[in-house]
Amino acid sequence: MFQCDVCGSTEYTRELVNEIFEIEGRFVLVENIPAHVCTRCGDMTFSRETMEQIRQMVHDTTASKSLKLDVFTLV
């Protein structure tokens, strides 16, 4: 049974989401990740299998595309 780690809600939707990960000092955007998204606070939860698939993909394969990213630092 799903329970949100942030707000405790048990209601969620299943969605495909995009997420940016920092891996070994570089930022990687992964698109279309299956996730449980809390309907109350919006926190996203990924399965262990999905996280392992992402880990293997970003370490073992070449990116399907790249993009320019503007970075701002809040002091």
C-alpha atoms as a PDB file:
ATOM      1  CA  MET A   1       0.000   0.000   0.000  1.00  0.00           C
ATOM      2  CA  PHE A   2       1.287   3.450  -0.919  1.00  0.00           C
ATOM      3  CA  GLN A   3       1.923   6.008   1.806  1.00  0.00           C
ATOM      4  CA  CYS A   4       3.664   9.277   0.997  1.00  0.00           C
ATOM      5  CA  ASP A   5       6.949   9.738   2.883  1.00  0.00           C
ATOM      6  CA  VAL A   6       6.436  13.509   2.963  1.00  0.00           C
ATOM      7  CA  CYS A   7       2.805  14.084   4.005  1.00  0.00           C
ATOM      8  CA  GLY A   8       1.483  10.614   4.881  1.00  0.00           C
ATOM      9  CA  SER A   9      -1.305  10.612   2.283  1.00  0.00           C
ATOM     10  CA  THR A  10      -2.338   7.261   0.820  1.00  0.00           C
ATOM     11  CA  GLU A  11      -3.733   8.725  -2.425  1.00  0.00           C
ATOM     12  CA  TYR A  12      -1.609   8.859  -5.551  1.00  0.00           C
ATOM     13  CA  THR A  13      -1.707   8.841  -9.316  1.00  0.00           C
ATOM     14  CA  ARG A  14       0.511   6.861 -11.657  1.00  0.00           C
ATOM     15  CA  GLU A  15       2.273   9.181 -14.060  1.00  0.00           C
ATOM     16  CA  LEU A  16       5.220   9.358 -16.416  1.00  0.00           C
ATOM     17  CA  VAL A  17       7.506  12.090 -15.077  1.00  0.00           C
ATOM     18  CA  ASN A  18      10.809  13.741 -15.957  1.00  0.00           C
ATOM     19  CA  GLU A  19      13.517  14.068 -13.312  1.00  0.00           C
ATOM     20  CA  ILE A  20      17.034  15.521 -13.165  1.00  0.00           C
ATOM     21  CA  PHE A  21      19.633  13.476 -11.281  1.00  0.00           C
ATOM     22  CA  GLU A  22      23.175  14.488 -10.311  1.00  0.00           C
ATOM     23  CA  ILE A  23      25.435  11.558 -11.115  1.00  0.00           C
ATOM     24  CA  GLU A  24      29.182  11.741 -10.554  1.00  0.00           C
ATOM     25  CA  GLY A  25      29.133  15.541 -10.783  1.00  0.00           C
ATOM     26  CA  ARG A  26      27.038  15.765 -13.943  1.00  0.00           C
ATOM     27  CA  PHE A  27      23.351  16.443 -14.318  1.00  0.00           C
ATOM     28  CA  VAL A  28      21.264  13.928 -16.234  1.00  0.00           C
ATOM     29  CA  LEU A  29      17.650  14.376 -17.332  1.00  0.00           C
ATOM     30  CA  VAL A  30      15.658  11.147 -17.523  1.00  0.00           C
ATOM     31  CA  GLU A  31      12.308  11.380 -19.286  1.00  0.00           C
ATOM     32  CA  ASN A  32       9.142   9.267 -19.009  1.00  0.00           C
ATOM     33  CA  ILE A  33       9.868   7.655 -15.650  1.00  0.00           C
ATOM     34  CA  PRO A  34       6.925   5.662 -14.240  1.00  0.00           C
ATOM     35  CA  ALA A  35       6.163   7.104 -10.802  1.00  0.00           C
ATOM     36  CA  HIS A  36       3.611   7.226  -8.032  1.00  0.00           C
ATOM     37  CA  VAL A  37       2.799  10.904  -7.484  1.00  0.00           C
ATOM     38  CA  CYS A  38       1.131  11.928  -4.214  1.00  0.00           C
ATOM     39  CA  THR A  39      -2.156  13.718  -4.933  1.00  0.00           C
ATOM     40  CA  ARG A  40      -1.765  15.896  -1.841  1.00  0.00           C
ATOM     41  CA  CYS A  41       1.821  17.188  -1.989  1.00  0.00           C
ATOM     42  CA  GLY A  42       3.125  16.056  -5.400  1.00  0.00           C
ATOM     43  CA  ASP A  43       6.059  14.022  -4.048  1.00  0.00           C
ATOM     44  CA  MET A  44       7.231  11.418  -6.573  1.00  0.00           C
ATOM     45  CA  THR A  45       8.166   7.847  -5.675  1.00  0.00           C
ATOM     46  CA  PHE A  46      10.003   5.443  -7.983  1.00  0.00           C
ATOM     47  CA  SER A  47      10.169   1.665  -7.605  1.00  0.00           C
ATOM     48  CA  ARG A  48      13.476  -0.059  -6.871  1.00  0.00           C
ATOM     49  CA  GLU A  49      13.313  -1.718 -10.274  1.00  0.00           C
ATOM     50  CA  THR A  50      12.853   1.653 -11.987  1.00  0.00           C
ATOM     51  CA  MET A  51      15.776   3.191 -10.070  1.00  0.00           C
ATOM     52  CA  GLU A  52      18.003   0.252 -11.008  1.00  0.00           C
ATOM     53  CA  GLN A  53      16.989   0.623 -14.661  1.00  0.00           C
ATOM     54  CA  ILE A  54      17.850   4.347 -14.505  1.00  0.00           C
ATOM     55  CA  ARG A  55      21.207   3.590 -12.836  1.00  0.00           C
ATOM     56  CA  GLN A  56      22.151   1.097 -15.524  1.00  0.00           C
ATOM     57  CA  MET A  57      20.969   3.360 -18.325  1.00  0.00           C
ATOM     58  CA  VAL A  58      22.941   6.450 -17.260  1.00  0.00           C
ATOM     59  CA  HIS A  59      26.129   4.471 -16.592  1.00  0.00           C
ATOM     60  CA  ASP A  60      26.055   2.029 -19.510  1.00  0.00           C
ATOM     61  CA  THR A  61      24.527   3.824 -22.475  1.00  0.00           C
ATOM     62  CA  THR A  62      24.937   6.990 -24.479  1.00  0.00           C
ATOM     63  CA  ALA A  63      22.349   9.735 -24.047  1.00  0.00           C
ATOM     64  CA  SER A  64      19.662   9.842 -26.717  1.00  0.00           C
ATOM     65  CA  LYS A  65      20.004  13.634 -26.965  1.00  0.00           C
ATOM     66  CA  SER A  66      21.654  16.549 -25.184  1.00  0.00           C
ATOM     67  CA  LEU A  67      20.593  20.082 -24.450  1.00  0.00           C
ATOM     68  CA  LYS A  68      21.982  23.387 -23.265  1.00  0.00           C
ATOM     69  CA  LEU A  69      21.187  24.153 -19.642  1.00  0.00           C
ATOM     70  CA  ASP A  70      21.319  27.555 -17.946  1.00  0.00           C
ATOM     71  CA  VAL A  71      22.489  27.387 -14.330  1.00  0.00           C
ATOM     72  CA  PHE A  72      21.781  30.010 -11.673  1.00  0.00           C
ATOM     73  CA  THR A  73      23.237  30.079  -8.165  1.00  0.00           C
ATOM     74  CA  LEU A  74      21.236  31.522  -5.296  1.00  0.00           C
ATOM     75  CA  VAL A  75      23.641  33.157  -2.875  1.00  0.00           C
END
